[in-house]
């Protein structure tokens, strides 16, 4: 049964995303609860996209601190599974600190690099600044800054 649910999760995540974007009943509480349940079910069963979207919804639109912390947990899971947007967001969280996630420059750079390797433009720009200015406890490195700047200008990932 678990295998079936793991295979079914991306489809539920896709369905939740389509409902989320669908303009009909935009302010409906029933639609909102259904979409959030579908996202959670898909995320809990391994859909990386659902992990990312559900985490972002909880973090930025969740009611209460508990929901927002839960959103960060989902975003971190998505980042660890390769989602570039989630990895960038985790870099920001570890750079600035958030609730149970204290400032951690090493983890911030790790997540920015993971996101930049996937082609996330904001992560690449942040790494250029980090290496140009010696931020986040990284030594100034013209070579690393040039590498990321080159990636930014090329647009090839």
Protein backbone atom coordinates (compact mmCIF):
# COMPACT_ATOMS: atom_id res chain seq x y z
CA UNK A 1 0.00 0.00 0.00
CA UNK A 2 2.86 2.38 0.85
CA UNK A 3 4.36 1.88 -2.63
CA UNK A 4 1.01 2.75 -4.22
CA UNK A 5 0.75 5.93 -2.16
CA UNK A 6 4.32 6.93 -3.04
CA UNK A 7 3.54 6.49 -6.73
CA UNK A 8 0.20 8.28 -6.37
CA UNK A 9 1.63 11.29 -4.45
CA UNK A 10 2.96 13.25 -7.48
CA UNK A 11 -0.45 13.00 -9.13
CA UNK A 12 -2.14 14.35 -6.00
CA UNK A 13 0.46 17.11 -5.81
CA UNK A 14 -0.23 18.03 -9.43
CA UNK A 15 -3.98 18.02 -8.79
CA UNK A 16 -3.55 20.21 -5.70
CA UNK A 17 -1.40 22.66 -7.67
CA UNK A 18 -3.98 22.85 -10.46
CA UNK A 19 -6.78 23.50 -7.99
CA UNK A 20 -4.64 26.07 -6.20
CA UNK A 21 -4.09 28.00 -9.45
CA UNK A 22 -7.66 27.58 -10.73
CA UNK A 23 -9.46 30.96 -10.49
CA UNK A 24 -12.94 29.55 -9.79
CA UNK A 25 -13.92 29.78 -6.11
CA UNK A 26 -10.75 31.74 -5.43
CA UNK A 27 -11.74 32.78 -1.90
CA UNK A 28 -13.57 29.60 -0.96
CA UNK A 29 -12.60 28.15 2.42
CA UNK A 30 -13.74 24.70 1.26
CA UNK A 31 -11.42 24.84 -1.75
CA UNK A 32 -8.58 26.10 0.45
CA UNK A 33 -8.98 23.25 2.96
CA UNK A 34 -9.17 20.66 0.16
CA UNK A 35 -6.06 22.00 -1.57
CA UNK A 36 -4.09 22.11 1.68
CA UNK A 37 -5.12 18.53 2.52
CA UNK A 38 -4.08 17.34 -0.94
CA UNK A 39 -0.75 19.14 -0.68
CA UNK A 40 -0.11 17.68 2.76
CA UNK A 41 -1.03 14.16 1.68
CA UNK A 42 1.18 14.39 -1.41
CA UNK A 43 4.04 15.94 0.59
CA UNK A 44 3.83 13.31 3.33
CA UNK A 45 4.06 10.62 0.67
CA UNK A 46 7.16 11.96 -1.03
CA UNK A 47 6.16 14.42 -3.75
CA UNK A 48 9.03 16.92 -3.90
CA UNK A 49 6.96 19.62 -5.59
CA UNK A 50 4.20 19.24 -3.02
CA UNK A 51 6.79 19.43 -0.21
CA UNK A 52 8.06 22.70 -1.63
CA UNK A 53 4.73 24.36 -2.41
CA UNK A 54 3.04 23.22 0.81
CA UNK A 55 6.05 24.33 2.83
CA UNK A 56 6.07 27.76 1.21
CA UNK A 57 2.32 28.15 1.76
CA UNK A 58 2.68 27.27 5.44
CA UNK A 59 5.73 29.47 5.95
CA UNK A 60 4.44 32.59 4.24
CA UNK A 61 0.67 32.27 4.71
CA UNK A 62 0.27 29.90 7.63
CA UNK A 63 -1.61 31.01 10.69
CA UNK A 64 0.48 30.86 13.83
CA UNK A 65 4.08 30.09 14.63
CA UNK A 66 3.55 26.32 14.68
CA UNK A 67 2.33 26.26 11.07
CA UNK A 68 5.22 28.44 9.96
CA UNK A 69 7.79 26.22 11.63
CA UNK A 70 6.11 23.21 10.03
CA UNK A 71 6.46 25.03 6.69
CA UNK A 72 10.21 25.37 7.22
CA UNK A 73 10.43 21.65 7.96
CA UNK A 74 8.67 20.83 4.69
CA UNK A 75 10.87 23.28 2.79
CA UNK A 76 14.00 21.71 4.26
CA UNK A 77 12.82 18.25 3.19
CA UNK A 78 12.17 19.53 -0.33
CA UNK A 79 15.59 21.21 -0.43
CA UNK A 80 17.30 18.01 0.67
CA UNK A 81 15.48 16.17 -2.13
CA UNK A 82 16.76 18.60 -4.77
CA UNK A 83 14.18 21.39 -5.13
CA UNK A 84 16.15 24.55 -6.07
CA UNK A 85 13.55 27.06 -4.84
CA UNK A 86 13.37 25.32 -1.47
CA UNK A 87 17.18 25.17 -1.26
CA UNK A 88 17.40 28.92 -1.88
CA UNK A 89 14.78 29.55 0.80
CA UNK A 90 16.69 27.37 3.28
CA UNK A 91 19.81 29.38 2.49
CA UNK A 92 17.91 32.55 3.41
CA UNK A 93 16.55 30.96 6.57
CA UNK A 94 19.99 29.84 7.74
CA UNK A 95 21.48 33.21 6.79
CA UNK A 96 18.93 35.26 8.73
CA UNK A 97 17.77 32.72 11.32
CA UNK A 98 14.15 31.80 11.99
CA UNK A 99 12.51 30.45 15.16
CA UNK A 100 14.12 27.01 15.80
CA UNK A 101 16.62 27.54 12.97
CA UNK A 102 19.48 29.68 14.29
CA UNK A 103 21.87 31.57 12.02
CA UNK A 104 24.27 29.07 10.47
CA UNK A 105 26.53 30.51 7.74
CA UNK A 106 27.92 27.10 6.71
CA UNK A 107 24.45 25.67 6.10
CA UNK A 108 23.38 28.87 4.35
CA UNK A 109 26.26 28.59 1.87
CA UNK A 110 25.59 24.86 1.43
CA UNK A 111 21.96 25.47 0.51
CA UNK A 112 22.77 28.49 -1.70
CA UNK A 113 25.34 26.38 -3.55
CA UNK A 114 22.88 23.50 -3.94
CA UNK A 115 20.29 25.89 -5.35
CA UNK A 116 22.81 27.65 -7.61
CA UNK A 117 23.98 24.31 -9.01
CA UNK A 118 20.39 23.75 -10.11
CA UNK A 119 20.34 27.12 -11.87
CA UNK A 120 18.47 29.31 -9.39
CA UNK A 121 19.40 32.85 -10.43
CA UNK A 122 18.94 34.49 -7.02
CA UNK A 123 21.15 31.85 -5.39
CA UNK A 124 23.85 32.46 -7.99
CA UNK A 125 23.68 36.22 -7.40
CA UNK A 126 23.90 35.66 -3.65
CA UNK A 127 26.99 33.45 -4.05
CA UNK A 128 28.65 36.10 -6.21
CA UNK A 129 28.09 38.62 -3.39
CA UNK A 130 29.23 36.16 -0.73
CA UNK A 131 32.56 35.49 -2.45
CA UNK A 132 33.12 39.08 -3.59
CA UNK A 133 32.55 40.55 -0.13
CA UNK A 134 33.67 37.68 2.10
CA UNK A 135 30.23 37.28 3.68
CA UNK A 136 28.78 34.33 5.60
CA UNK A 137 32.17 33.50 7.09
CA UNK A 138 33.57 32.77 3.65
CA UNK A 139 36.94 34.17 2.65
CA UNK A 140 36.97 36.61 -0.24
CA UNK A 141 37.61 34.58 -3.34
CA UNK A 142 37.91 36.20 -6.71
CA UNK A 143 38.06 32.80 -8.38
CA UNK A 144 34.80 31.59 -6.81
CA UNK A 145 33.10 34.92 -7.44
CA UNK A 146 34.22 34.84 -11.08
CA UNK A 147 33.01 31.25 -11.44
CA UNK A 148 29.50 32.11 -10.23
CA UNK A 149 29.45 35.40 -12.14
CA UNK A 150 30.35 33.47 -15.28
CA UNK A 151 27.49 31.04 -14.61
CA UNK A 152 25.17 34.00 -14.12
CA UNK A 153 26.22 35.66 -17.38
CA UNK A 154 26.18 32.44 -19.40
CA UNK A 155 22.77 31.36 -18.27
CA UNK A 156 23.88 27.74 -18.77
CA UNK A 157 23.39 25.35 -15.94
